[in-house]
Amino acid sequence: MRDHSSSIETNNSPGHFRWIVCALLFFATTINYMDRQLLSLLKPILDQHPNPVDFPL
């Protein structure tokens, strides 16, 4: 029978952790890019309303 403890230990290896960090950086960059694109699409609409929130300061 094979010992599966070695395959469990490889999940905690530095290489595995590096890929998790790379994936998190990729998703953060993707969300940032999507946010910038959405704001650029909404800019003409937002420019039509000089003060979108009217409340006393």
N, C-alpha and C. Protein backbone atom coordinates (compact mmCIF):
# COMPACT_ATOMS: atom_id res chain seq x y z
N MET A 1 0.84 -1.18 0.00
CA MET A 1 0.00 0.00 0.00
C MET A 1 0.88 1.24 0.00
N ARG A 2 0.35 2.29 -0.57
CA ARG A 2 1.12 3.53 -0.66
C ARG A 2 0.85 4.42 0.54
N ASP A 3 1.84 5.14 0.92
CA ASP A 3 1.71 6.09 2.02
C ASP A 3 1.30 7.44 1.44
N HIS A 4 0.10 7.91 1.80
CA HIS A 4 -0.42 9.16 1.25
C HIS A 4 -0.02 10.37 2.06
N SER A 5 0.74 10.18 3.13
CA SER A 5 1.15 11.32 3.94
C SER A 5 2.11 12.24 3.18
N SER A 6 2.90 11.68 2.26
CA SER A 6 3.83 12.51 1.49
C SER A 6 3.08 13.44 0.55
N SER A 7 1.94 13.01 0.00
CA SER A 7 1.17 13.87 -0.89
C SER A 7 0.48 14.99 -0.11
N ILE A 8 0.16 14.73 1.15
CA ILE A 8 -0.45 15.77 1.98
C ILE A 8 0.60 16.82 2.34
N GLU A 9 1.83 16.38 2.59
CA GLU A 9 2.89 17.31 2.94
C GLU A 9 3.28 18.22 1.78
N THR A 10 3.12 17.77 0.54
CA THR A 10 3.48 18.60 -0.60
C THR A 10 2.52 19.78 -0.76
N ASN A 11 1.32 19.72 -0.21
CA ASN A 11 0.40 20.84 -0.27
C ASN A 11 0.89 22.02 0.55
N ASN A 12 1.76 21.78 1.51
CA ASN A 12 2.30 22.86 2.34
C ASN A 12 3.68 23.30 1.86
N SER A 13 4.08 22.86 0.69
CA SER A 13 5.40 23.21 0.18
C SER A 13 5.43 24.68 -0.25
N PRO A 14 6.60 25.29 -0.30
CA PRO A 14 6.70 26.70 -0.73
C PRO A 14 6.18 26.91 -2.15
N GLY A 15 6.33 25.94 -3.03
CA GLY A 15 5.83 26.07 -4.40
C GLY A 15 4.31 26.22 -4.44
N HIS A 16 3.64 25.48 -3.59
CA HIS A 16 2.17 25.57 -3.51
C HIS A 16 1.75 26.94 -3.01
N PHE A 17 2.45 27.44 -1.99
CA PHE A 17 2.14 28.75 -1.43
C PHE A 17 2.38 29.85 -2.46
N ARG A 18 3.42 29.72 -3.27
CA ARG A 18 3.72 30.72 -4.31
C ARG A 18 2.60 30.80 -5.33
N TRP A 19 2.03 29.66 -5.71
CA TRP A 19 0.94 29.67 -6.69
C TRP A 19 -0.32 30.30 -6.11
N ILE A 20 -0.54 30.11 -4.82
CA ILE A 20 -1.68 30.75 -4.18
C ILE A 20 -1.51 32.26 -4.18
N VAL A 21 -0.30 32.73 -3.88
CA VAL A 21 -0.02 34.17 -3.90
C VAL A 21 -0.19 34.71 -5.32
N CYS A 22 0.30 33.99 -6.31
CA CYS A 22 0.15 34.42 -7.71
C CYS A 22 -1.33 34.50 -8.11
N ALA A 23 -2.12 33.53 -7.68
CA ALA A 23 -3.55 33.54 -7.99
C ALA A 23 -4.24 34.74 -7.33
N LEU A 24 -3.90 35.03 -6.09
CA LEU A 24 -4.50 36.17 -5.40
C LEU A 24 -4.11 37.48 -6.08
N LEU A 25 -2.86 37.61 -6.49
CA LEU A 25 -2.44 38.81 -7.22
C LEU A 25 -3.15 38.93 -8.55
N PHE A 26 -3.35 37.82 -9.24
CA PHE A 26 -4.07 37.84 -10.51
C PHE A 26 -5.51 38.31 -10.32
N PHE A 27 -6.20 37.78 -9.31
CA PHE A 27 -7.58 38.18 -9.08
C PHE A 27 -7.68 39.63 -8.63
N ALA A 28 -6.75 40.10 -7.83
CA ALA A 28 -6.76 41.51 -7.40
C ALA A 28 -6.53 42.42 -8.59
N THR A 29 -5.61 42.06 -9.48
CA THR A 29 -5.35 42.86 -10.68
C THR A 29 -6.57 42.86 -11.60
N THR A 30 -7.21 41.71 -11.74
CA THR A 30 -8.40 41.62 -12.59
C THR A 30 -9.53 42.48 -12.06
N ILE A 31 -9.77 42.45 -10.76
CA ILE A 31 -10.83 43.26 -10.17
C ILE A 31 -10.51 44.74 -10.32
N ASN A 32 -9.25 45.13 -10.14
CA ASN A 32 -8.84 46.52 -10.31
C ASN A 32 -9.07 46.96 -11.75
N TYR A 33 -8.71 46.14 -12.72
CA TYR A 33 -8.90 46.47 -14.13
C TYR A 33 -10.37 46.62 -14.46
N MET A 34 -11.21 45.70 -13.96
CA MET A 34 -12.65 45.78 -14.21
C MET A 34 -13.24 47.04 -13.59
N ASP A 35 -12.78 47.40 -12.41
CA ASP A 35 -13.27 48.60 -11.74
C ASP A 35 -12.93 49.85 -12.55
N ARG A 36 -11.71 49.93 -13.05
CA ARG A 36 -11.29 51.08 -13.86
C ARG A 36 -12.12 51.17 -15.14
N GLN A 37 -12.38 50.04 -15.76
CA GLN A 37 -13.17 50.04 -16.99
C GLN A 37 -14.60 50.47 -16.72
N LEU A 38 -15.16 50.01 -15.62
CA LEU A 38 -16.53 50.39 -15.26
C LEU A 38 -16.64 51.88 -14.98
N LEU A 39 -15.66 52.43 -14.27
CA LEU A 39 -15.69 53.87 -13.99
C LEU A 39 -15.55 54.68 -15.27
N SER A 40 -14.73 54.22 -16.21
CA SER A 40 -14.58 54.96 -17.46
C SER A 40 -15.86 54.89 -18.29
N LEU A 41 -16.61 53.80 -18.19
CA LEU A 41 -17.88 53.71 -18.89
C LEU A 41 -18.95 54.58 -18.24
N LEU A 42 -18.90 54.72 -16.93
CA LEU A 42 -19.91 55.50 -16.21
C LEU A 42 -19.58 56.99 -16.13
N LYS A 43 -18.40 57.40 -16.53
CA LYS A 43 -17.99 58.79 -16.40
C LYS A 43 -18.95 59.76 -17.09
N PRO A 44 -19.40 59.51 -18.33
CA PRO A 44 -20.36 60.45 -18.94
C PRO A 44 -21.66 60.58 -18.16
N ILE A 45 -22.12 59.50 -17.59
CA ILE A 45 -23.36 59.54 -16.81
C ILE A 45 -23.14 60.29 -15.51
N LEU A 46 -22.00 60.04 -14.87
CA LEU A 46 -21.71 60.70 -13.59
C LEU A 46 -21.43 62.19 -13.79
N ASP A 47 -20.91 62.57 -14.95
CA ASP A 47 -20.66 63.98 -15.21
C ASP A 47 -21.94 64.78 -15.39
N GLN A 48 -23.04 64.14 -15.73
CA GLN A 48 -24.32 64.83 -15.90
C GLN A 48 -24.90 65.28 -14.57
N HIS A 49 -24.52 64.65 -13.51
CA HIS A 49 -25.03 64.96 -12.18
C HIS A 49 -23.90 65.58 -11.36
N PRO A 50 -23.92 66.90 -11.16
CA PRO A 50 -22.81 67.53 -10.46
C PRO A 50 -22.70 67.12 -8.99
N ASN A 51 -23.83 66.90 -8.34
CA ASN A 51 -23.81 66.52 -6.93
C ASN A 51 -24.78 65.35 -6.73
N PRO A 52 -24.32 64.12 -6.89
CA PRO A 52 -25.23 62.98 -6.84
C PRO A 52 -25.82 62.73 -5.46
N VAL A 53 -25.16 63.21 -4.41
CA VAL A 53 -25.67 62.99 -3.05
C VAL A 53 -25.99 64.36 -2.45
N ASP A 54 -27.25 64.61 -2.22
CA ASP A 54 -27.66 65.90 -1.64
C ASP A 54 -28.00 65.69 -0.17
N PHE A 55 -27.07 66.05 0.69
CA PHE A 55 -27.35 66.03 2.11
C PHE A 55 -26.54 67.15 2.74
N PRO A 56 -27.05 67.73 3.81
CA PRO A 56 -26.33 68.84 4.45
C PRO A 56 -25.05 68.36 5.13
N LEU A 57 -24.01 69.16 5.03
CA LEU A 57 -22.76 68.80 5.67
C LEU A 57 -22.64 69.42 7.04
